Amino acid sequence: MRGLRRKTLDAVLAAVCVMTPAGGFAADIAAPMSKIGDAASDVAVDASGQSIDVAALAERLRPARYVLLGEIHDDALHHRLRAALLSALLADGRPTWVVFEQIDHQHNAAVAAAPRDTEAVVSAGHLDKKGWGWPLHRPLFDAALAGGATIVGGNLSRAEASSVVRGGVAQAPVELQRWLAGPDAAGGADAALPSAWTAAQDAELRYQVDVGHCGALPPAMLAPMALAQRARDAALAAAMTAAPPGVRVMLIAGNGHVRRDIGVPHYLAAVPANGIVSIAFLERAKDGATVADGPYDEAWFTVPVERPDPCASFHAPGVAR
């Protein structure tokens, strides 16, 4: 840490939530939602190559307490497909919270007080429109509000994540520190704690952080960045578990956050729940292959978006900037 140039550290902290480098934006974000649910079989398949049936999937998800929907952040179709699924689930009238990675938790009072209008909500939530490529996520906010859901921010602020990177667990929000035990630390007798975070999980998360930043992070930054990612996952889980009993909770976040092994589900596992379902939204390989990049309960695959080389903006360690 001490040997990092300030400019390098600031650049790293600005990217602390990124598990996959951002690429270009797809141009089809304005397609009517009414057509997506009916046409999902034409645009998405499951891991076996079978066409997706949004209505059937919604029925399977209804008993779940927690539904986690991943994404590739710049793929507009992923947001539209998830919005169709969200609308189908909300049609049953069950009280539902939708927790967004795109809004920091500190803005929840303002979000709750805002008019039930998408622009008013994202303004109250201080959503970083440039950073998230707005209006890519707009279909999800529109669907949540139209379906009567409660919108909740779940992410750490950049300042909080930066504090974790610089200072470790002791600088995480106090309510999350007990969830951030180190590798092989005992979970203790507290039933509210997740099972121990293992060395294998830690190694996998560090690897994902490294790959997600194109191998450009200084080695000394991998552990702090992985811890910041864990803190974000714990914060998202804390926001989800704050929902009253009987309320369905849906998470809108990147695929890295919804992985069963190292993402938010790790922190939900110790909490009594009527089911946890994690669904990744991924892109097929150029040869059409449908291979998930991690453990999920289900995965949807869409055609790959044409985007610039996501690693072009990253610099290898030691390269002058």
C-alpha atoms as a PDB file:
ATOM      1  CA  MET A   1       0.000   0.000   0.000  1.00  0.00           C
ATOM      2  CA  ARG A   2       2.658   2.497   1.045  1.00  0.00           C
ATOM      3  CA  GLY A   3       4.533   2.123  -2.218  1.00  0.00           C
ATOM      4  CA  LEU A   4       1.514   2.859  -4.397  1.00  0.00           C
ATOM      5  CA  ARG A   5       1.412   6.182  -6.091  1.00  0.00           C
ATOM      6  CA  ARG A   6      -1.596   8.231  -5.036  1.00  0.00           C
ATOM      7  CA  LYS A   7      -2.866   8.431  -8.594  1.00  0.00           C
ATOM      8  CA  THR A   8      -2.758   4.641  -8.921  1.00  0.00           C
ATOM      9  CA  LEU A   9      -4.578   4.150  -5.618  1.00  0.00           C
ATOM     10  CA  ASP A  10      -7.299   6.618  -6.534  1.00  0.00           C
ATOM     11  CA  ALA A  11      -7.849   4.818  -9.830  1.00  0.00           C
ATOM     12  CA  VAL A  12      -8.070   1.488  -8.038  1.00  0.00           C
ATOM     13  CA  LEU A  13     -10.554   2.795  -5.490  1.00  0.00           C
ATOM     14  CA  ALA A  14     -12.720   4.246  -8.235  1.00  0.00           C
ATOM     15  CA  ALA A  15     -13.032   0.738  -9.655  1.00  0.00           C
ATOM     16  CA  VAL A  16     -13.483  -1.049  -6.341  1.00  0.00           C
ATOM     17  CA  CYS A  17     -16.931  -2.442  -7.167  1.00  0.00           C
ATOM     18  CA  VAL A  18     -16.023  -3.691 -10.643  1.00  0.00           C
ATOM     19  CA  MET A  19     -15.838  -7.448 -11.110  1.00  0.00           C
ATOM     20  CA  THR A  20     -15.948  -7.246 -14.910  1.00  0.00           C
ATOM     21  CA  PRO A  21     -14.598  -4.176 -16.734  1.00  0.00           C
ATOM     22  CA  ALA A  22     -17.311  -2.091 -18.337  1.00  0.00           C
ATOM     23  CA  GLY A  23     -17.670  -2.107 -22.086  1.00  0.00           C
ATOM     24  CA  GLY A  24     -19.858  -0.324 -24.607  1.00  0.00           C
ATOM     25  CA  PHE A  25     -23.597   0.061 -24.239  1.00  0.00           C
ATOM     26  CA  ALA A  26     -26.142  -1.835 -26.297  1.00  0.00           C
ATOM     27  CA  ALA A  27     -28.556   0.341 -28.238  1.00  0.00           C
ATOM     28  CA  ASP A  28     -31.835  -1.535 -27.719  1.00  0.00           C
ATOM     29  CA  ILE A  29     -32.811  -0.271 -24.252  1.00  0.00           C
ATOM     30  CA  ALA A  30     -36.057   1.317 -25.423  1.00  0.00           C
ATOM     31  CA  ALA A  31     -37.800  -1.853 -26.649  1.00  0.00           C
ATOM     32  CA  PRO A  32     -41.279  -2.199 -25.082  1.00  0.00           C
ATOM     33  CA  MET A  33     -41.294  -4.377 -21.947  1.00  0.00           C
ATOM     34  CA  SER A  34     -44.563  -5.986 -23.057  1.00  0.00           C
ATOM     35  CA  LYS A  35     -42.692  -7.670 -25.895  1.00  0.00           C
ATOM     36  CA  ILE A  36     -39.763  -8.959 -23.849  1.00  0.00           C
ATOM     37  CA  GLY A  37     -41.695 -11.412 -21.702  1.00  0.00           C
ATOM     38  CA  ASP A  38     -43.419 -12.906 -24.741  1.00  0.00           C
ATOM     39  CA  ALA A  39     -40.240 -13.023 -26.789  1.00  0.00           C
ATOM     40  CA  ALA A  40     -37.764 -14.173 -24.135  1.00  0.00           C
ATOM     41  CA  SER A  41     -37.454 -17.540 -25.815  1.00  0.00           C
ATOM     42  CA  ASP A  42     -36.031 -15.754 -28.846  1.00  0.00           C
ATOM     43  CA  VAL A  43     -33.322 -13.877 -26.953  1.00  0.00           C
ATOM     44  CA  ALA A  44     -32.279 -16.034 -23.986  1.00  0.00           C
ATOM     45  CA  VAL A  45     -31.541 -19.683 -23.271  1.00  0.00           C
ATOM     46  CA  ASP A  46     -30.594 -21.626 -20.168  1.00  0.00           C
ATOM     47  CA  ALA A  47     -27.342 -23.526 -19.676  1.00  0.00           C
ATOM     48  CA  SER A  48     -28.695 -26.498 -21.647  1.00  0.00           C
ATOM     49  CA  GLY A  49     -29.618 -24.299 -24.602  1.00  0.00           C
ATOM     50  CA  GLN A  50     -33.348 -24.490 -23.940  1.00  0.00           C
ATOM     51  CA  SER A  51     -35.452 -21.383 -24.525  1.00  0.00           C
ATOM     52  CA  ILE A  52     -36.408 -19.363 -21.465  1.00  0.00           C
ATOM     53  CA  ASP A  53     -40.041 -19.208 -20.358  1.00  0.00           C
ATOM     54  CA  VAL A  54     -40.353 -16.111 -18.161  1.00  0.00           C
ATOM     55  CA  ALA A  55     -43.802 -17.005 -16.809  1.00  0.00           C
ATOM     56  CA  ALA A  56     -42.752 -20.541 -15.883  1.00  0.00           C
ATOM     57  CA  LEU A  57     -39.607 -19.305 -14.160  1.00  0.00           C
ATOM     58  CA  ALA A  58     -41.631 -16.747 -12.211  1.00  0.00           C
ATOM     59  CA  GLU A  59     -43.895 -19.514 -10.932  1.00  0.00           C
ATOM     60  CA  ARG A  60     -40.886 -21.534  -9.758  1.00  0.00           C
ATOM     61  CA  LEU A  61     -39.509 -18.513  -7.940  1.00  0.00           C
ATOM     62  CA  ARG A  62     -42.673 -17.563  -6.072  1.00  0.00           C
ATOM     63  CA  PRO A  63     -41.978 -19.571  -2.875  1.00  0.00           C
ATOM     64  CA  ALA A  64     -38.504 -18.073  -2.452  1.00  0.00           C
ATOM     65  CA  ARG A  65     -37.795 -15.504   0.229  1.00  0.00           C
ATOM     66  CA  TYR A  66     -34.687 -14.192  -1.533  1.00  0.00           C
ATOM     67  CA  VAL A  67     -34.293 -13.934  -5.314  1.00  0.00           C
ATOM     68  CA  LEU A  68     -30.933 -12.670  -6.557  1.00  0.00           C
ATOM     69  CA  LEU A  69     -30.708 -11.488 -10.170  1.00  0.00           C
ATOM     70  CA  GLY A  70     -27.243 -10.932 -11.615  1.00  0.00           C
ATOM     71  CA  GLU A  71     -26.196  -8.924 -14.645  1.00  0.00           C
ATOM     72  CA  ILE A  72     -23.420  -7.856 -16.937  1.00  0.00           C
ATOM     73  CA  HIS A  73     -23.694  -4.170 -16.189  1.00  0.00           C
ATOM     74  CA  ASP A  74     -23.590  -2.830 -19.751  1.00  0.00           C
ATOM     75  CA  ASP A  75     -25.876  -5.427 -21.364  1.00  0.00           C
ATOM     76  CA  ALA A  76     -29.215  -3.678 -21.872  1.00  0.00           C
ATOM     77  CA  LEU A  77     -31.014  -6.915 -22.685  1.00  0.00           C
ATOM     78  CA  HIS A  78     -30.157  -8.345 -19.282  1.00  0.00           C
ATOM     79  CA  HIS A  79     -31.911  -5.430 -17.603  1.00  0.00           C
ATOM     80  CA  ARG A  80     -34.988  -5.767 -19.801  1.00  0.00           C
ATOM     81  CA  LEU A  81     -35.220  -9.526 -19.215  1.00  0.00           C
ATOM     82  CA  ARG A  82     -34.911  -9.091 -15.462  1.00  0.00           C
ATOM     83  CA  ALA A  83     -37.537  -6.353 -15.543  1.00  0.00           C
ATOM     84  CA  ALA A  84     -39.908  -8.760 -17.322  1.00  0.00           C
ATOM     85  CA  LEU A  85     -39.252 -11.377 -14.643  1.00  0.00           C
ATOM     86  CA  LEU A  86     -39.688  -8.794 -11.895  1.00  0.00           C
ATOM     87  CA  SER A  87     -43.030  -7.708 -13.367  1.00  0.00           C
ATOM     88  CA  ALA A  88     -44.207 -11.318 -13.571  1.00  0.00           C
ATOM     89  CA  LEU A  89     -43.338 -11.925  -9.922  1.00  0.00           C
ATOM     90  CA  LEU A  90     -44.904  -8.703  -8.667  1.00  0.00           C
ATOM     91  CA  ALA A  91     -48.166  -9.567 -10.383  1.00  0.00           C
ATOM     92  CA  ASP A  92     -49.047 -11.835  -7.428  1.00  0.00           C
ATOM     93  CA  GLY A  93     -49.319  -8.837  -5.090  1.00  0.00           C
ATOM     94  CA  ARG A  94     -46.917 -10.251  -2.497  1.00  0.00           C
ATOM     95  CA  PRO A  95     -45.123  -7.496  -0.576  1.00  0.00           C
ATOM     96  CA  THR A  96     -41.667  -7.188  -2.137  1.00  0.00           C
ATOM     97  CA  TRP A  97     -38.468  -5.281  -1.531  1.00  0.00           C
ATOM     98  CA  VAL A  98     -36.148  -4.722  -4.479  1.00  0.00           C
ATOM     99  CA  VAL A  99     -32.613  -4.049  -3.258  1.00  0.00           C
ATOM    100  CA  PHE A 100     -30.422  -2.255  -5.792  1.00  0.00           C
ATOM    101  CA  GLU A 101     -26.635  -2.402  -5.902  1.00  0.00           C
ATOM    102  CA  GLN A 102     -26.852   0.843  -7.870  1.00  0.00           C
ATOM    103  CA  ILE A 103     -27.990   2.859  -4.813  1.00  0.00           C
ATOM    104  CA  ASP A 104     -25.934   3.267  -1.632  1.00  0.00           C
ATOM    105  CA  HIS A 105     -27.655   2.324   1.624  1.00  0.00           C
ATOM    106  CA  GLN A 106     -27.147   5.751   3.185  1.00  0.00           C
ATOM    107  CA  HIS A 107     -29.755   7.250   0.860  1.00  0.00           C
ATOM    108  CA  ASN A 108     -32.634   4.961   1.871  1.00  0.00           C
ATOM    109  CA  ALA A 109     -34.502   7.537   3.926  1.00  0.00           C
ATOM    110  CA  ALA A 110     -34.523   9.916   0.962  1.00  0.00           C
ATOM    111  CA  VAL A 111     -35.569   7.126  -1.414  1.00  0.00           C
ATOM    112  CA  ALA A 112     -38.456   6.159   0.872  1.00  0.00           C
ATOM    113  CA  ALA A 113     -39.647   9.772   1.018  1.00  0.00           C
ATOM    114  CA  ALA A 114     -39.407  10.365  -2.742  1.00  0.00           C
ATOM    115  CA  PRO A 115     -42.464  10.325  -5.040  1.00  0.00           C
ATOM    116  CA  ARG A 116     -43.029   6.943  -6.678  1.00  0.00           C
ATOM    117  CA  ASP A 117     -41.508   8.046  -9.932  1.00  0.00           C
ATOM    118  CA  THR A 118     -38.348   6.566 -11.403  1.00  0.00           C
ATOM    119  CA  GLU A 119     -36.523   9.841 -11.926  1.00  0.00           C
ATOM    120  CA  ALA A 120     -37.457  11.039  -8.440  1.00  0.00           C
ATOM    121  CA  VAL A 121     -36.277   7.773  -6.862  1.00  0.00           C
ATOM    122  CA  VAL A 122     -32.924   7.619  -8.648  1.00  0.00           C
ATOM    123  CA  SER A 123     -32.352  11.299  -7.885  1.00  0.00           C
ATOM    124  CA  ALA A 124     -33.108  10.731  -4.190  1.00  0.00           C
ATOM    125  CA  GLY A 125     -30.818   7.717  -4.259  1.00  0.00           C
ATOM    126  CA  HIS A 126     -27.977   9.686  -5.882  1.00  0.00           C
ATOM    127  CA  LEU A 127     -27.594   6.976  -8.519  1.00  0.00           C
ATOM    128  CA  ASP A 128     -24.414   7.652 -10.485  1.00  0.00           C
ATOM    129  CA  LYS A 129     -25.997   7.936 -13.922  1.00  0.00           C
ATOM    130  CA  LYS A 130     -22.717   8.196 -15.770  1.00  0.00           C
ATOM    131  CA  GLY A 131     -21.087   5.349 -13.896  1.00  0.00           C
ATOM    132  CA  TRP A 132     -24.046   3.003 -14.378  1.00  0.00           C
ATOM    133  CA  GLY A 133     -24.775   4.038 -17.961  1.00  0.00           C
ATOM    134  CA  TRP A 134     -28.263   5.360 -17.227  1.00  0.00           C
ATOM    135  CA  PRO A 135     -30.897   4.647 -18.513  1.00  0.00           C
ATOM    136  CA  LEU A 136     -29.736   1.013 -18.782  1.00  0.00           C
ATOM    137  CA  HIS A 137     -31.294   0.134 -15.409  1.00  0.00           C
ATOM    138  CA  ARG A 138     -34.428   2.187 -15.904  1.00  0.00           C
ATOM    139  CA  PRO A 139     -36.650  -0.806 -16.907  1.00  0.00           C
ATOM    140  CA  LEU A 140     -35.980  -2.365 -13.502  1.00  0.00           C
ATOM    141  CA  PHE A 141     -36.926   0.750 -11.562  1.00  0.00           C
ATOM    142  CA  ASP A 142     -40.009   1.211 -13.744  1.00  0.00           C
ATOM    143  CA  ALA A 143     -41.086  -2.413 -13.170  1.00  0.00           C
ATOM    144  CA  ALA A 144     -40.474  -2.266  -9.424  1.00  0.00           C
ATOM    145  CA  LEU A 145     -42.490   0.929  -8.991  1.00  0.00           C
ATOM    146  CA  ALA A 146     -45.308  -0.206 -11.288  1.00  0.00           C
ATOM    147  CA  GLY A 147     -45.565  -3.464  -9.353  1.00  0.00           C
ATOM    148  CA  GLY A 148     -45.818  -1.766  -5.964  1.00  0.00           C
ATOM    149  CA  ALA A 149     -42.416  -2.896  -4.666  1.00  0.00           C
ATOM    150  CA  THR A 150     -40.377  -1.047  -2.063  1.00  0.00           C
ATOM    151  CA  ILE A 151     -37.058   0.164  -3.492  1.00  0.00           C
ATOM    152  CA  VAL A 152     -34.055  -0.121  -1.205  1.00  0.00           C
ATOM    153  CA  GLY A 153     -30.406   0.813  -1.685  1.00  0.00           C
ATOM    154  CA  GLY A 154     -27.989  -1.816  -0.482  1.00  0.00           C
ATOM    155  CA  ASN A 155     -24.474  -0.847  -1.515  1.00  0.00           C
ATOM    156  CA  LEU A 156     -21.671   0.658   0.497  1.00  0.00           C
ATOM    157  CA  SER A 157     -20.739   4.172  -0.461  1.00  0.00           C
ATOM    158  CA  ARG A 158     -17.476   4.659  -2.335  1.00  0.00           C
ATOM    159  CA  ALA A 159     -16.073   6.337   0.773  1.00  0.00           C
ATOM    160  CA  GLU A 160     -16.960   3.327   2.938  1.00  0.00           C
ATOM    161  CA  ALA A 161     -15.458   0.884   0.440  1.00  0.00           C
ATOM    162  CA  SER A 162     -12.327   3.024   0.174  1.00  0.00           C
ATOM    163  CA  SER A 163     -11.979   2.978   3.958  1.00  0.00           C
ATOM    164  CA  VAL A 164     -12.099  -0.817   3.918  1.00  0.00           C
ATOM    165  CA  VAL A 165      -9.442  -0.945   1.193  1.00  0.00           C
ATOM    166  CA  ARG A 166      -7.163   1.350   3.193  1.00  0.00           C
ATOM    167  CA  GLY A 167      -7.879   0.147   6.725  1.00  0.00           C
ATOM    168  CA  GLY A 168      -9.280  -3.373   6.620  1.00  0.00           C
ATOM    169  CA  VAL A 169     -12.185  -4.888   8.571  1.00  0.00           C
ATOM    170  CA  ALA A 170     -11.856  -2.358  11.393  1.00  0.00           C
ATOM    171  CA  GLN A 171     -12.871   0.393   8.937  1.00  0.00           C
ATOM    172  CA  ALA A 172     -15.998  -1.425   7.709  1.00  0.00           C
ATOM    173  CA  PRO A 173     -19.368  -0.296   9.064  1.00  0.00           C
ATOM    174  CA  VAL A 174     -19.647  -1.686  12.593  1.00  0.00           C
ATOM    175  CA  GLU A 175     -22.719  -3.757  11.801  1.00  0.00           C
ATOM    176  CA  LEU A 176     -20.812  -5.616   9.076  1.00  0.00           C
ATOM    177  CA  GLN A 177     -17.571  -6.317  10.906  1.00  0.00           C
ATOM    178  CA  ARG A 178     -18.806  -9.508  12.535  1.00  0.00           C
ATOM    179  CA  TRP A 179     -19.676 -10.853   9.062  1.00  0.00           C
ATOM    180  CA  LEU A 180     -16.184 -10.244   7.721  1.00  0.00           C
ATOM    181  CA  ALA A 181     -14.188 -12.830   9.658  1.00  0.00           C
ATOM    182  CA  GLY A 182     -10.943 -13.774   7.949  1.00  0.00           C
ATOM    183  CA  PRO A 183     -10.057 -17.064   6.272  1.00  0.00           C
ATOM    184  CA  ASP A 184     -10.782 -20.089   8.440  1.00  0.00           C
ATOM    185  CA  ALA A 185     -12.055 -17.930  11.291  1.00  0.00           C
ATOM    186  CA  ALA A 186     -14.639 -19.665  13.410  1.00  0.00           C
ATOM    187  CA  GLY A 187     -18.178 -18.439  13.035  1.00  0.00           C
ATOM    188  CA  GLY A 188     -18.845 -18.915  16.737  1.00  0.00           C
ATOM    189  CA  ALA A 189     -22.190 -19.743  18.274  1.00  0.00           C
ATOM    190  CA  ASP A 190     -23.996 -16.681  16.935  1.00  0.00           C
ATOM    191  CA  ALA A 191     -26.672 -18.046  14.596  1.00  0.00           C
ATOM    192  CA  ALA A 192     -26.815 -14.713  12.785  1.00  0.00           C
ATOM    193  CA  LEU A 193     -23.250 -15.159  11.507  1.00  0.00           C
ATOM    194  CA  PRO A 194     -22.524 -16.849   8.183  1.00  0.00           C
ATOM    195  CA  SER A 195     -20.382 -19.943   8.143  1.00  0.00           C
ATOM    196  CA  ALA A 196     -16.631 -19.340   8.264  1.00  0.00           C
ATOM    197  CA  TRP A 197     -15.018 -17.610   5.305  1.00  0.00           C
ATOM    198  CA  THR A 198     -12.425 -20.109   4.144  1.00  0.00           C
ATOM    199  CA  ALA A 199      -9.007 -19.790   2.575  1.00  0.00           C
ATOM    200  CA  ALA A 200     -10.393 -21.379  -0.596  1.00  0.00           C
ATOM    201  CA  GLN A 201     -13.128 -18.758  -0.848  1.00  0.00           C
ATOM    202  CA  ASP A 202     -10.602 -16.015  -0.236  1.00  0.00           C
ATOM    203  CA  ALA A 203      -8.321 -17.330  -2.969  1.00  0.00           C
ATOM    204  CA  GLU A 204     -11.207 -17.557  -5.444  1.00  0.00           C
ATOM    205  CA  LEU A 205     -12.368 -14.017  -4.712  1.00  0.00           C
ATOM    206  CA  ARG A 206      -8.839 -12.643  -5.080  1.00  0.00           C
ATOM    207  CA  TYR A 207      -8.574 -14.456  -8.402  1.00  0.00           C
ATOM    208  CA  GLN A 208     -11.867 -12.973  -9.593  1.00  0.00           C
ATOM    209  CA  VAL A 209     -10.779  -9.487  -8.561  1.00  0.00           C
ATOM    210  CA  ASP A 210      -7.507  -9.977 -10.427  1.00  0.00           C
ATOM    211  CA  VAL A 211      -9.219 -11.242 -13.590  1.00  0.00           C
ATOM    212  CA  GLY A 212     -11.900  -8.576 -13.339  1.00  0.00           C
ATOM    213  CA  HIS A 213      -9.198  -5.931 -13.437  1.00  0.00           C
ATOM    214  CA  CYS A 214      -7.303  -7.567 -16.313  1.00  0.00           C
ATOM    215  CA  GLY A 215      -4.333  -8.526 -14.144  1.00  0.00           C
ATOM    216  CA  ALA A 216      -3.473  -4.851 -13.790  1.00  0.00           C
ATOM    217  CA  LEU A 217      -3.781  -4.501 -10.031  1.00  0.00           C
ATOM    218  CA  PRO A 218      -0.576  -4.420  -7.989  1.00  0.00           C
ATOM    219  CA  PRO A 219      -0.402  -7.741  -6.077  1.00  0.00           C
ATOM    220  CA  ALA A 220      -0.543  -5.861  -2.778  1.00  0.00           C
ATOM    221  CA  MET A 221      -4.008  -4.549  -3.718  1.00  0.00           C
ATOM    222  CA  LEU A 222      -5.674  -7.918  -4.326  1.00  0.00           C
ATOM    223  CA  ALA A 223      -6.432  -8.702  -0.684  1.00  0.00           C
ATOM    224  CA  PRO A 224      -7.752  -5.196   0.171  1.00  0.00           C
ATOM    225  CA  MET A 225      -9.892  -5.123  -2.966  1.00  0.00           C
ATOM    226  CA  ALA A 226     -11.263  -8.590  -2.247  1.00  0.00           C
ATOM    227  CA  LEU A 227     -12.146  -7.488   1.274  1.00  0.00           C
ATOM    228  CA  ALA A 228     -13.962  -4.440  -0.109  1.00  0.00           C
ATOM    229  CA  GLN A 229     -15.927  -6.745  -2.401  1.00  0.00           C
ATOM    230  CA  ARG A 230     -16.824  -8.901   0.586  1.00  0.00           C
ATOM    231  CA  ALA A 231     -17.933  -5.802   2.488  1.00  0.00           C
ATOM    232  CA  ARG A 232     -20.218  -4.828  -0.384  1.00  0.00           C
ATOM    233  CA  ASP A 233     -21.699  -8.328  -0.430  1.00  0.00           C
ATOM    234  CA  ALA A 234     -22.263  -8.217   3.313  1.00  0.00           C
ATOM    235  CA  ALA A 235     -23.906  -4.788   3.002  1.00  0.00           C
ATOM    236  CA  LEU A 236     -26.247  -6.057   0.286  1.00  0.00           C
ATOM    237  CA  ALA A 237     -27.126  -9.074   2.422  1.00  0.00           C
ATOM    238  CA  ALA A 238     -27.761  -6.833   5.429  1.00  0.00           C
ATOM    239  CA  ALA A 239     -30.148  -4.700   3.378  1.00  0.00           C
ATOM    240  CA  MET A 240     -31.991  -7.824   2.238  1.00  0.00           C
ATOM    241  CA  THR A 241     -32.318  -9.339   5.707  1.00  0.00           C
ATOM    242  CA  ALA A 242     -33.750  -6.095   7.069  1.00  0.00           C
ATOM    243  CA  ALA A 243     -37.033  -6.800   5.276  1.00  0.00           C
ATOM    244  CA  PRO A 244     -39.983  -7.758   7.524  1.00  0.00           C
ATOM    245  CA  PRO A 245     -40.998 -11.424   7.749  1.00  0.00           C
ATOM    246  CA  GLY A 246     -43.093 -12.595   4.806  1.00  0.00           C
ATOM    247  CA  VAL A 247     -41.724  -9.971   2.443  1.00  0.00           C
ATOM    248  CA  ARG A 248     -40.093 -11.268  -0.738  1.00  0.00           C
ATOM    249  CA  VAL A 249     -36.694  -9.681  -1.343  1.00  0.00           C
ATOM    250  CA  MET A 250     -35.069  -9.342  -4.741  1.00  0.00           C
ATOM    251  CA  LEU A 251     -31.513  -8.218  -5.361  1.00  0.00           C
ATOM    252  CA  ILE A 252     -30.423  -6.405  -8.516  1.00  0.00           C
ATOM    253  CA  ALA A 253     -26.628  -6.645  -8.757  1.00  0.00           C
ATOM    254  CA  GLY A 254     -23.695  -7.800 -10.844  1.00  0.00           C
ATOM    255  CA  ASN A 255     -23.143 -11.508 -11.383  1.00  0.00           C
ATOM    256  CA  GLY A 256     -20.151 -11.514  -9.054  1.00  0.00           C
ATOM    257  CA  HIS A 257     -22.410 -10.497  -6.175  1.00  0.00           C
ATOM    258  CA  VAL A 258     -24.921 -13.319  -6.727  1.00  0.00           C
ATOM    259  CA  ARG A 259     -22.447 -16.206  -6.920  1.00  0.00           C
ATOM    260  CA  ARG A 260     -23.421 -18.958  -4.494  1.00  0.00           C
ATOM    261  CA  ASP A 261     -19.895 -19.527  -3.212  1.00  0.00           C
ATOM    262  CA  ILE A 262     -18.344 -16.086  -2.690  1.00  0.00           C
ATOM    263  CA  GLY A 263     -21.194 -13.590  -3.142  1.00  0.00           C
ATOM    264  CA  VAL A 264     -24.213 -12.372  -1.180  1.00  0.00           C
ATOM    265  CA  PRO A 265     -25.645 -15.899  -0.682  1.00  0.00           C
ATOM    266  CA  HIS A 266     -22.735 -16.668   1.648  1.00  0.00           C
ATOM    267  CA  TYR A 267     -24.065 -14.039   4.055  1.00  0.00           C
ATOM    268  CA  LEU A 268     -27.687 -15.123   3.655  1.00  0.00           C
ATOM    269  CA  ALA A 269     -26.949 -18.774   4.387  1.00  0.00           C
ATOM    270  CA  ALA A 270     -27.067 -18.360   8.169  1.00  0.00           C
ATOM    271  CA  VAL A 271     -30.324 -16.398   8.104  1.00  0.00           C
ATOM    272  CA  PRO A 272     -33.609 -18.339   8.350  1.00  0.00           C
ATOM    273  CA  ALA A 273     -35.245 -18.065   4.949  1.00  0.00           C
ATOM    274  CA  ASN A 274     -37.840 -19.751   2.803  1.00  0.00           C
ATOM    275  CA  GLY A 275     -35.458 -20.345  -0.042  1.00  0.00           C
ATOM    276  CA  ILE A 276     -32.614 -18.476  -1.732  1.00  0.00           C
ATOM    277  CA  VAL A 277     -32.417 -18.513  -5.533  1.00  0.00           C
ATOM    278  CA  SER A 278     -29.522 -16.996  -7.483  1.00  0.00           C
ATOM    279  CA  ILE A 279     -29.828 -16.396 -11.234  1.00  0.00           C
ATOM    280  CA  ALA A 280     -26.934 -15.177 -13.364  1.00  0.00           C
ATOM    281  CA  PHE A 281     -27.459 -13.255 -16.587  1.00  0.00           C
ATOM    282  CA  LEU A 282     -24.542 -14.054 -18.867  1.00  0.00           C
ATOM    283  CA  GLU A 283     -23.568 -13.885 -22.526  1.00  0.00           C
ATOM    284  CA  ARG A 284     -22.903 -16.848 -24.773  1.00  0.00           C
ATOM    285  CA  ALA A 285     -19.413 -17.345 -26.079  1.00  0.00           C
ATOM    286  CA  LYS A 286     -18.798 -16.382 -29.705  1.00  0.00           C
ATOM    287  CA  ASP A 287     -19.145 -20.047 -30.652  1.00  0.00           C
ATOM    288  CA  GLY A 288     -22.542 -20.172 -28.922  1.00  0.00           C
ATOM    289  CA  ALA A 289     -21.336 -22.065 -25.842  1.00  0.00           C
ATOM    290  CA  THR A 290     -23.306 -21.573 -22.618  1.00  0.00           C
ATOM    291  CA  VAL A 291     -20.813 -21.969 -19.794  1.00  0.00           C
ATOM    292  CA  ALA A 292     -21.476 -20.310 -16.436  1.00  0.00           C
ATOM    293  CA  ASP A 293     -18.562 -18.415 -14.888  1.00  0.00           C
ATOM    294  CA  GLY A 294     -19.448 -19.503 -11.368  1.00  0.00           C
ATOM    295  CA  PRO A 295     -21.960 -21.427  -9.240  1.00  0.00           C
ATOM    296  CA  TYR A 296     -25.540 -20.148  -9.550  1.00  0.00           C
ATOM    297  CA  ASP A 297     -28.912 -21.856  -9.213  1.00  0.00           C
ATOM    298  CA  GLU A 298     -29.763 -20.914 -12.796  1.00  0.00           C
ATOM    299  CA  ALA A 299     -28.138 -19.002 -15.630  1.00  0.00           C
ATOM    300  CA  TRP A 300     -29.642 -17.192 -18.607  1.00  0.00           C
ATOM    301  CA  PHE A 301     -27.507 -16.633 -21.678  1.00  0.00           C
ATOM    302  CA  THR A 302     -27.965 -13.956 -24.327  1.00  0.00           C
ATOM    303  CA  VAL A 303     -26.003 -13.078 -27.435  1.00  0.00           C
ATOM    304  CA  PRO A 304     -22.759 -11.226 -26.672  1.00  0.00           C
ATOM    305  CA  VAL A 305     -22.764  -7.453 -26.879  1.00  0.00           C
ATOM    306  CA  GLU A 306     -20.189  -5.897 -29.181  1.00  0.00           C
ATOM    307  CA  ARG A 307     -17.947  -3.788 -26.995  1.00  0.00           C
ATOM    308  CA  PRO A 308     -14.393  -2.433 -27.040  1.00  0.00           C
ATOM    309  CA  ASP A 309     -11.667  -4.482 -25.388  1.00  0.00           C
ATOM    310  CA  PRO A 310     -12.534  -4.058 -21.690  1.00  0.00           C
ATOM    311  CA  CYS A 311      -8.877  -4.355 -20.729  1.00  0.00           C
ATOM    312  CA  ALA A 312      -7.674  -1.565 -22.997  1.00  0.00           C
ATOM    313  CA  SER A 313      -8.012   1.024 -20.237  1.00  0.00           C
ATOM    314  CA  PHE A 314      -6.110  -1.019 -17.672  1.00  0.00           C
ATOM    315  CA  HIS A 315      -2.353  -0.807 -17.174  1.00  0.00           C
ATOM    316  CA  ALA A 316      -0.100  -3.610 -16.037  1.00  0.00           C
ATOM    317  CA  PRO A 317       1.625  -3.156 -12.671  1.00  0.00           C
ATOM    318  CA  GLY A 318       4.741  -1.036 -12.973  1.00  0.00           C
ATOM    319  CA  VAL A 319       3.706   0.726 -16.178  1.00  0.00           C
ATOM    320  CA  ALA A 320       4.169   4.480 -15.930  1.00  0.00           C
ATOM    321  CA  ARG A 321       0.938   6.478 -15.957  1.00  0.00           C
END
